[in-house]
Amino acid sequence: MIKSDTIQSRGPSEGTDSIKDQKTVINKGKVYPVCYRCAQVPKNGLYDGFRIRGMFFCSDCQRELYSADQDTPEYREFLVLIQGLLF
């Protein structure tokens, strides 16, 4: 499934513990790509995935695509996403 982000207003100290627990990459003023499918920042930045028409797919989703059987919903989800970018 495609994950979506919800924007929540928090104070500067609120929620920092939960962010650290989720192994999130801290931005520190840099621009990182976000996966078009799972909306996660890849561990190795730009070199941890591929792009199609400017949209980034992380290496984890890339592995899922390569290993998915053609009859599975995951494979069909990838087809819909990629077709949306190409056509």
PDB file of N, CA and C in Angstrom:
ATOM      1  N   MET A   1       0.823  -1.181   0.000  1.00  0.00           N
ATOM      2  CA  MET A   1       0.000   0.000   0.000  1.00  0.00           C
ATOM      3  C   MET A   1       0.867   1.244   0.000  1.00  0.00           C
ATOM      4  N   ILE A   2       0.358   2.282  -0.568  1.00  0.00           N
ATOM      5  CA  ILE A   2       1.063   3.558  -0.570  1.00  0.00           C
ATOM      6  C   ILE A   2       0.847   4.218   0.783  1.00  0.00           C
ATOM      7  N   LYS A   3       1.926   4.627   1.391  1.00  0.00           N
ATOM      8  CA  LYS A   3       1.835   5.292   2.680  1.00  0.00           C
ATOM      9  C   LYS A   3       1.709   6.787   2.459  1.00  0.00           C
ATOM     10  N   SER A   4       0.889   7.436   3.246  1.00  0.00           N
ATOM     11  CA  SER A   4       0.745   8.880   3.121  1.00  0.00           C
ATOM     12  C   SER A   4       1.148   9.533   4.431  1.00  0.00           C
ATOM     13  N   ASP A   5       1.698  10.711   4.312  1.00  0.00           N
ATOM     14  CA  ASP A   5       2.118  11.454   5.489  1.00  0.00           C
ATOM     15  C   ASP A   5       1.017  12.413   5.904  1.00  0.00           C
ATOM     16  N   THR A   6       0.848  12.567   7.200  1.00  0.00           N
ATOM     17  CA  THR A   6      -0.072  13.569   7.709  1.00  0.00           C
ATOM     18  C   THR A   6       0.747  14.622   8.419  1.00  0.00           C
ATOM     19  N   ILE A   7       0.372  15.855   8.235  1.00  0.00           N
ATOM     20  CA  ILE A   7       1.106  16.964   8.831  1.00  0.00           C
ATOM     21  C   ILE A   7       0.489  17.260  10.189  1.00  0.00           C
ATOM     22  N   GLN A   8       1.342  17.268  11.206  1.00  0.00           N
ATOM     23  CA  GLN A   8       0.874  17.570  12.544  1.00  0.00           C
ATOM     24  C   GLN A   8       1.744  18.669  13.116  1.00  0.00           C
ATOM     25  N   SER A   9       1.123  19.575  13.828  1.00  0.00           N
ATOM     26  CA  SER A   9       1.853  20.661  14.459  1.00  0.00           C
ATOM     27  C   SER A   9       2.359  20.194  15.813  1.00  0.00           C
ATOM     28  N   ARG A  10       3.674  20.301  16.021  1.00  0.00           N
ATOM     29  CA  ARG A  10       4.266  19.886  17.289  1.00  0.00           C
ATOM     30  C   ARG A  10       5.243  20.934  17.760  1.00  0.00           C
ATOM     31  N   GLY A  11       5.445  20.954  19.051  1.00  0.00           N
ATOM     32  CA  GLY A  11       6.465  21.813  19.623  1.00  0.00           C
ATOM     33  C   GLY A  11       7.843  21.254  19.315  1.00  0.00           C
ATOM     34  N   PRO A  12       8.908  22.040  19.543  1.00  0.00           N
ATOM     35  CA  PRO A  12      10.246  21.594  19.184  1.00  0.00           C
ATOM     36  C   PRO A  12      10.714  20.341  19.915  1.00  0.00           C
ATOM     37  N   SER A  13      10.258  20.120  21.129  1.00  0.00           N
ATOM     38  CA  SER A  13      10.718  18.942  21.866  1.00  0.00           C
ATOM     39  C   SER A  13       9.732  17.783  21.802  1.00  0.00           C
ATOM     40  N   GLU A  14       8.516  18.032  21.319  1.00  0.00           N
ATOM     41  CA  GLU A  14       7.505  16.983  21.252  1.00  0.00           C
ATOM     42  C   GLU A  14       7.814  16.012  20.132  1.00  0.00           C
ATOM     43  N   GLY A  15       7.724  14.746  20.409  1.00  0.00           N
ATOM     44  CA  GLY A  15       7.834  13.746  19.366  1.00  0.00           C
ATOM     45  C   GLY A  15       9.245  13.387  18.952  1.00  0.00           C
ATOM     46  N   THR A  16      10.270  13.998  19.506  1.00  0.00           N
ATOM     47  CA  THR A  16      11.633  13.677  19.078  1.00  0.00           C
ATOM     48  C   THR A  16      12.037  12.281  19.502  1.00  0.00           C
ATOM     49  N   ASP A  17      11.534  11.790  20.629  1.00  0.00           N
ATOM     50  CA  ASP A  17      11.854  10.432  21.062  1.00  0.00           C
ATOM     51  C   ASP A  17      11.259   9.402  20.114  1.00  0.00           C
ATOM     52  N   SER A  18      10.025   9.623  19.676  1.00  0.00           N
ATOM     53  CA  SER A  18       9.407   8.668  18.760  1.00  0.00           C
ATOM     54  C   SER A  18      10.098   8.683  17.405  1.00  0.00           C
ATOM     55  N   ILE A  19      10.604   9.827  16.982  1.00  0.00           N
ATOM     56  CA  ILE A  19      11.334   9.901  15.716  1.00  0.00           C
ATOM     57  C   ILE A  19      12.625   9.103  15.810  1.00  0.00           C
ATOM     58  N   LYS A  20      13.347   9.237  16.907  1.00  0.00           N
ATOM     59  CA  LYS A  20      14.598   8.502  17.080  1.00  0.00           C
ATOM     60  C   LYS A  20      14.348   7.003  17.140  1.00  0.00           C
ATOM     61  N   ASP A  21      13.237   6.588  17.733  1.00  0.00           N
ATOM     62  CA  ASP A  21      12.911   5.169  17.831  1.00  0.00           C
ATOM     63  C   ASP A  21      12.597   4.557  16.473  1.00  0.00           C
ATOM     64  N   GLN A  22      12.145   5.361  15.503  1.00  0.00           N
ATOM     65  CA  GLN A  22      11.761   4.854  14.197  1.00  0.00           C
ATOM     66  C   GLN A  22      12.924   4.789  13.221  1.00  0.00           C
ATOM     67  N   LYS A  23      14.128   5.070  13.635  1.00  0.00           N
ATOM     68  CA  LYS A  23      15.321   5.054  12.793  1.00  0.00           C
ATOM     69  C   LYS A  23      15.161   5.959  11.580  1.00  0.00           C
ATOM     70  N   THR A  24      14.612   7.140  11.785  1.00  0.00           N
ATOM     71  CA  THR A  24      14.409   8.116  10.732  1.00  0.00           C
ATOM     72  C   THR A  24      15.710   8.860  10.475  1.00  0.00           C
ATOM     73  N   VAL A  25      15.987   9.159   9.211  1.00  0.00           N
ATOM     74  CA  VAL A  25      17.165   9.942   8.868  1.00  0.00           C
ATOM     75  C   VAL A  25      16.866  11.396   9.192  1.00  0.00           C
ATOM     76  N   ILE A  26      17.685  12.011  10.021  1.00  0.00           N
ATOM     77  CA  ILE A  26      17.504  13.409  10.378  1.00  0.00           C
ATOM     78  C   ILE A  26      18.072  14.266   9.257  1.00  0.00           C
ATOM     79  N   ASN A  27      17.333  15.266   8.832  1.00  0.00           N
ATOM     80  CA  ASN A  27      17.672  16.047   7.651  1.00  0.00           C
ATOM     81  C   ASN A  27      18.914  16.904   7.826  1.00  0.00           C
ATOM     82  N   LYS A  28      19.045  17.644   8.881  1.00  0.00           N
ATOM     83  CA  LYS A  28      20.175  18.529   9.148  1.00  0.00           C
ATOM     84  C   LYS A  28      20.438  19.509   8.005  1.00  0.00           C
ATOM     85  N   GLY A  29      19.382  20.074   7.419  1.00  0.00           N
ATOM     86  CA  GLY A  29      19.527  21.106   6.404  1.00  0.00           C
ATOM     87  C   GLY A  29      19.807  20.596   5.004  1.00  0.00           C
ATOM     88  N   LYS A  30      19.817  19.293   4.803  1.00  0.00           N
ATOM     89  CA  LYS A  30      20.087  18.728   3.484  1.00  0.00           C
ATOM     90  C   LYS A  30      18.780  18.288   2.844  1.00  0.00           C
ATOM     91  N   VAL A  31      18.787  18.162   1.536  1.00  0.00           N
ATOM     92  CA  VAL A  31      17.605  17.720   0.815  1.00  0.00           C
ATOM     93  C   VAL A  31      17.804  16.256   0.431  1.00  0.00           C
ATOM     94  N   TYR A  32      16.926  15.399   0.914  1.00  0.00           N
ATOM     95  CA  TYR A  32      16.988  13.977   0.610  1.00  0.00           C
ATOM     96  C   TYR A  32      15.793  13.601  -0.258  1.00  0.00           C
ATOM     97  N   PRO A  33      15.948  12.598  -1.122  1.00  0.00           N
ATOM     98  CA  PRO A  33      14.796  12.134  -1.895  1.00  0.00           C
ATOM     99  C   PRO A  33      13.843  11.355  -0.999  1.00  0.00           C
ATOM    100  N   VAL A  34      12.593  11.339  -1.383  1.00  0.00           N
ATOM    101  CA  VAL A  34      11.576  10.570  -0.674  1.00  0.00           C
ATOM    102  C   VAL A  34      10.985   9.591  -1.672  1.00  0.00           C
ATOM    103  N   CYS A  35      10.870   8.338  -1.277  1.00  0.00           N
ATOM    104  CA  CYS A  35      10.370   7.301  -2.175  1.00  0.00           C
ATOM    105  C   CYS A  35       8.930   7.600  -2.589  1.00  0.00           C
ATOM    106  N   TYR A  36       8.666   7.468  -3.883  1.00  0.00           N
ATOM    107  CA  TYR A  36       7.342   7.719  -4.448  1.00  0.00           C
ATOM    108  C   TYR A  36       6.332   6.686  -3.950  1.00  0.00           C
ATOM    109  N   ARG A  37       6.784   5.478  -3.640  1.00  0.00           N
ATOM    110  CA  ARG A  37       5.878   4.413  -3.212  1.00  0.00           C
ATOM    111  C   ARG A  37       5.674   4.394  -1.705  1.00  0.00           C
ATOM    112  N   CYS A  38       6.760   4.367  -0.929  1.00  0.00           N
ATOM    113  CA  CYS A  38       6.617   4.183   0.522  1.00  0.00           C
ATOM    114  C   CYS A  38       6.788   5.477   1.318  1.00  0.00           C
ATOM    115  N   ALA A  39       7.144   6.581   0.669  1.00  0.00           N
ATOM    116  CA  ALA A  39       7.291   7.901   1.299  1.00  0.00           C
ATOM    117  C   ALA A  39       8.361   7.932   2.390  1.00  0.00           C
ATOM    118  N   GLN A  40       9.377   7.071   2.276  1.00  0.00           N
ATOM    119  CA  GLN A  40      10.469   7.046   3.244  1.00  0.00           C
ATOM    120  C   GLN A  40      11.727   7.648   2.631  1.00  0.00           C
ATOM    121  N   VAL A  41      12.576   8.209   3.470  1.00  0.00           N
ATOM    122  CA  VAL A  41      13.874   8.724   3.034  1.00  0.00           C
ATOM    123  C   VAL A  41      14.851   7.553   3.047  1.00  0.00           C
ATOM    124  N   PRO A  42      15.527   7.270   1.921  1.00  0.00           N
ATOM    125  CA  PRO A  42      16.460   6.144   1.890  1.00  0.00           C
ATOM    126  C   PRO A  42      17.704   6.411   2.721  1.00  0.00           C
ATOM    127  N   LYS A  43      18.309   5.339   3.239  1.00  0.00           N
ATOM    128  CA  LYS A  43      19.479   5.454   4.109  1.00  0.00           C
ATOM    129  C   LYS A  43      20.665   6.103   3.411  1.00  0.00           C
ATOM    130  N   ASN A  44      20.883   5.798   2.136  1.00  0.00           N
ATOM    131  CA  ASN A  44      22.055   6.294   1.411  1.00  0.00           C
ATOM    132  C   ASN A  44      21.736   7.426   0.444  1.00  0.00           C
ATOM    133  N   GLY A  45      20.646   8.127   0.660  1.00  0.00           N
ATOM    134  CA  GLY A  45      20.311   9.293  -0.150  1.00  0.00           C
ATOM    135  C   GLY A  45      20.035   8.964  -1.606  1.00  0.00           C
ATOM    136  N   LEU A  46      20.551   9.786  -2.502  1.00  0.00           N
ATOM    137  CA  LEU A  46      20.296   9.649  -3.939  1.00  0.00           C
ATOM    138  C   LEU A  46      20.788   8.339  -4.527  1.00  0.00           C
ATOM    139  N   TYR A  47      21.758   7.714  -3.873  1.00  0.00           N
ATOM    140  CA  TYR A  47      22.366   6.506  -4.427  1.00  0.00           C
ATOM    141  C   TYR A  47      21.695   5.238  -3.924  1.00  0.00           C
ATOM    142  N   ASP A  48      20.558   5.365  -3.303  1.00  0.00           N
ATOM    143  CA  ASP A  48      19.873   4.219  -2.715  1.00  0.00           C
ATOM    144  C   ASP A  48      18.530   3.981  -3.403  1.00  0.00           C
ATOM    145  N   GLY A  49      18.536   3.944  -4.738  1.00  0.00           N
ATOM    146  CA  GLY A  49      17.313   3.718  -5.484  1.00  0.00           C
ATOM    147  C   GLY A  49      17.445   4.163  -6.924  1.00  0.00           C
ATOM    148  N   PHE A  50      16.313   4.411  -7.578  1.00  0.00           N
ATOM    149  CA  PHE A  50      16.318   4.845  -8.976  1.00  0.00           C
ATOM    150  C   PHE A  50      15.208   5.866  -9.207  1.00  0.00           C
ATOM    151  N   ARG A  51      15.305   6.567 -10.327  1.00  0.00           N
ATOM    152  CA  ARG A  51      14.317   7.592 -10.685  1.00  0.00           C
ATOM    153  C   ARG A  51      13.641   7.236 -12.001  1.00  0.00           C
ATOM    154  N   ILE A  52      12.361   7.554 -12.065  1.00  0.00           N
ATOM    155  CA  ILE A  52      11.598   7.484 -13.312  1.00  0.00           C
ATOM    156  C   ILE A  52      10.889   8.817 -13.443  1.00  0.00           C
ATOM    157  N   ARG A  53      11.216   9.547 -14.499  1.00  0.00           N
ATOM    158  CA  ARG A  53      10.605  10.859 -14.753  1.00  0.00           C
ATOM    159  C   ARG A  53      10.604  11.756 -13.520  1.00  0.00           C
ATOM    160  N   GLY A  54      11.717  11.783 -12.820  1.00  0.00           N
ATOM    161  CA  GLY A  54      11.866  12.652 -11.669  1.00  0.00           C
ATOM    162  C   GLY A  54      11.314  12.109 -10.363  1.00  0.00           C
ATOM    163  N   MET A  55      10.641  10.976 -10.394  1.00  0.00           N
ATOM    164  CA  MET A  55      10.117  10.373  -9.167  1.00  0.00           C
ATOM    165  C   MET A  55      11.071   9.289  -8.696  1.00  0.00           C
ATOM    166  N   PHE A  56      11.369   9.299  -7.407  1.00  0.00           N
ATOM    167  CA  PHE A  56      12.368   8.414  -6.817  1.00  0.00           C
ATOM    168  C   PHE A  56      11.722   7.174  -6.216  1.00  0.00           C
ATOM    169  N   PHE A  57      12.332   6.012  -6.446  1.00  0.00           N
ATOM    170  CA  PHE A  57      11.940   4.756  -5.820  1.00  0.00           C
ATOM    171  C   PHE A  57      13.140   4.248  -5.028  1.00  0.00           C
ATOM    172  N   CYS A  58      12.964   3.946  -3.742  1.00  0.00           N
ATOM    173  CA  CYS A  58      14.081   3.505  -2.894  1.00  0.00           C
ATOM    174  C   CYS A  58      14.480   2.067  -3.229  1.00  0.00           C
ATOM    175  N   SER A  59      15.651   1.669  -2.754  1.00  0.00           N
ATOM    176  CA  SER A  59      16.164   0.332  -3.052  1.00  0.00           C
ATOM    177  C   SER A  59      15.313  -0.764  -2.400  1.00  0.00           C
ATOM    178  N   ASP A  60      14.671  -0.474  -1.261  1.00  0.00           N
ATOM    179  CA  ASP A  60      13.790  -1.473  -0.643  1.00  0.00           C
ATOM    180  C   ASP A  60      12.592  -1.763  -1.545  1.00  0.00           C
ATOM    181  N   CYS A  61      11.976  -0.721  -2.078  1.00  0.00           N
ATOM    182  CA  CYS A  61      10.849  -0.909  -3.000  1.00  0.00           C
ATOM    183  C   CYS A  61      11.324  -1.534  -4.309  1.00  0.00           C
ATOM    184  N   GLN A  62      12.532  -1.188  -4.732  1.00  0.00           N
ATOM    185  CA  GLN A  62      13.108  -1.780  -5.938  1.00  0.00           C
ATOM    186  C   GLN A  62      13.256  -3.292  -5.753  1.00  0.00           C
ATOM    187  N   ARG A  63      13.754  -3.735  -4.602  1.00  0.00           N
ATOM    188  CA  ARG A  63      13.886  -5.174  -4.323  1.00  0.00           C
ATOM    189  C   ARG A  63      12.515  -5.845  -4.303  1.00  0.00           C
ATOM    190  N   GLU A  64      11.529  -5.173  -3.719  1.00  0.00           N
ATOM    191  CA  GLU A  64      10.172  -5.730  -3.704  1.00  0.00           C
ATOM    192  C   GLU A  64       9.632  -5.882  -5.118  1.00  0.00           C
ATOM    193  N   LEU A  65       9.895  -4.913  -5.973  1.00  0.00           N
ATOM    194  CA  LEU A  65       9.443  -4.981  -7.361  1.00  0.00           C
ATOM    195  C   LEU A  65      10.094  -6.150  -8.081  1.00  0.00           C
ATOM    196  N   TYR A  66      11.403  -6.309  -7.913  1.00  0.00           N
ATOM    197  CA  TYR A  66      12.125  -7.385  -8.593  1.00  0.00           C
ATOM    198  C   TYR A  66      11.699  -8.767  -8.106  1.00  0.00           C
ATOM    199  N   SER A  67      11.338  -8.885  -6.840  1.00  0.00           N
ATOM    200  CA  SER A  67      10.995 -10.195  -6.291  1.00  0.00           C
ATOM    201  C   SER A  67       9.494 -10.495  -6.325  1.00  0.00           C
ATOM    202  N   ALA A  68       8.672  -9.522  -6.681  1.00  0.00           N
ATOM    203  CA  ALA A  68       7.212  -9.716  -6.678  1.00  0.00           C
ATOM    204  C   ALA A  68       6.778 -10.592  -7.849  1.00  0.00           C
ATOM    205  N   ASP A  69       5.868 -11.503  -7.569  1.00  0.00           N
ATOM    206  CA  ASP A  69       5.264 -12.307  -8.626  1.00  0.00           C
ATOM    207  C   ASP A  69       4.248 -11.455  -9.368  1.00  0.00           C
ATOM    208  N   GLN A  70       4.044 -11.768 -10.637  1.00  0.00           N
ATOM    209  CA  GLN A  70       3.163 -10.949 -11.468  1.00  0.00           C
ATOM    210  C   GLN A  70       1.704 -11.014 -11.035  1.00  0.00           C
ATOM    211  N   ASP A  71       1.340 -12.013 -10.280  1.00  0.00           N
ATOM    212  CA  ASP A  71      -0.055 -12.172  -9.860  1.00  0.00           C
ATOM    213  C   ASP A  71      -0.369 -11.490  -8.530  1.00  0.00           C
ATOM    214  N   THR A  72       0.613 -10.869  -7.903  1.00  0.00           N
ATOM    215  CA  THR A  72       0.410 -10.289  -6.574  1.00  0.00           C
ATOM    216  C   THR A  72      -0.088  -8.846  -6.653  1.00  0.00           C
ATOM    217  N   PRO A  73      -0.781  -8.387  -5.618  1.00  0.00           N
ATOM    218  CA  PRO A  73      -1.240  -6.988  -5.579  1.00  0.00           C
ATOM    219  C   PRO A  73      -0.078  -5.990  -5.557  1.00  0.00           C
ATOM    220  N   GLU A  74       1.058  -6.372  -4.938  1.00  0.00           N
ATOM    221  CA  GLU A  74       2.218  -5.475  -4.895  1.00  0.00           C
ATOM    222  C   GLU A  74       2.727  -5.177  -6.302  1.00  0.00           C
ATOM    223  N   TYR A  75       2.783  -6.214  -7.132  1.00  0.00           N
ATOM    224  CA  TYR A  75       3.256  -6.036  -8.505  1.00  0.00           C
ATOM    225  C   TYR A  75       2.299  -5.129  -9.281  1.00  0.00           C
ATOM    226  N   ARG A  76       1.002  -5.343  -9.100  1.00  0.00           N
ATOM    227  CA  ARG A  76       0.008  -4.500  -9.780  1.00  0.00           C
ATOM    228  C   ARG A  76       0.090  -3.053  -9.300  1.00  0.00           C
ATOM    229  N   GLU A  77       0.384  -2.874  -8.016  1.00  0.00           N
ATOM    230  CA  GLU A  77       0.548  -1.523  -7.472  1.00  0.00           C
ATOM    231  C   GLU A  77       1.718  -0.814  -8.154  1.00  0.00           C
ATOM    232  N   PHE A  78       2.834  -1.531  -8.313  1.00  0.00           N
ATOM    233  CA  PHE A  78       3.983  -0.957  -9.014  1.00  0.00           C
ATOM    234  C   PHE A  78       3.617  -0.590 -10.447  1.00  0.00           C
ATOM    235  N   LEU A  79       2.897  -1.465 -11.124  1.00  0.00           N
ATOM    236  CA  LEU A  79       2.502  -1.175 -12.505  1.00  0.00           C
ATOM    237  C   LEU A  79       1.662   0.092 -12.591  1.00  0.00           C
ATOM    238  N   VAL A  80       0.718   0.245 -11.685  1.00  0.00           N
ATOM    239  CA  VAL A  80      -0.139   1.431 -11.683  1.00  0.00           C
ATOM    240  C   VAL A  80       0.694   2.686 -11.438  1.00  0.00           C
ATOM    241  N   LEU A  81       1.616   2.628 -10.474  1.00  0.00           N
ATOM    242  CA  LEU A  81       2.465   3.788 -10.180  1.00  0.00           C
ATOM    243  C   LEU A  81       3.335   4.160 -11.375  1.00  0.00           C
ATOM    244  N   ILE A  82       3.969   3.170 -11.976  1.00  0.00           N
ATOM    245  CA  ILE A  82       4.879   3.438 -13.094  1.00  0.00           C
ATOM    246  C   ILE A  82       4.102   3.874 -14.329  1.00  0.00           C
ATOM    247  N   GLN A  83       2.948   3.266 -14.588  1.00  0.00           N
ATOM    248  CA  GLN A  83       2.122   3.698 -15.718  1.00  0.00           C
ATOM    249  C   GLN A  83       1.665   5.137 -15.539  1.00  0.00           C
ATOM    250  N   GLY A  84       1.350   5.519 -14.314  1.00  0.00           N
ATOM    251  CA  GLY A  84       0.952   6.898 -14.037  1.00  0.00           C
ATOM    252  C   GLY A  84       2.064   7.889 -14.332  1.00  0.00           C
ATOM    253  N   LEU A  85       3.303   7.465 -14.151  1.00  0.00           N
ATOM    254  CA  LEU A  85       4.437   8.344 -14.444  1.00  0.00           C
ATOM    255  C   LEU A  85       4.738   8.415 -15.932  1.00  0.00           C
ATOM    256  N   LEU A  86       4.541   7.313 -16.635  1.00  0.00           N
ATOM    257  CA  LEU A  86       4.930   7.255 -18.044  1.00  0.00           C
ATOM    258  C   LEU A  86       3.842   7.728 -18.997  1.00  0.00           C
ATOM    259  N   PHE A  87       2.570   7.553 -18.621  1.00  0.00           N
ATOM    260  CA  PHE A  87       1.494   7.880 -19.571  1.00  0.00           C
ATOM    261  C   PHE A  87       0.597   8.970 -19.055  1.00  0.00           C
TER     262      PHE A  87
END
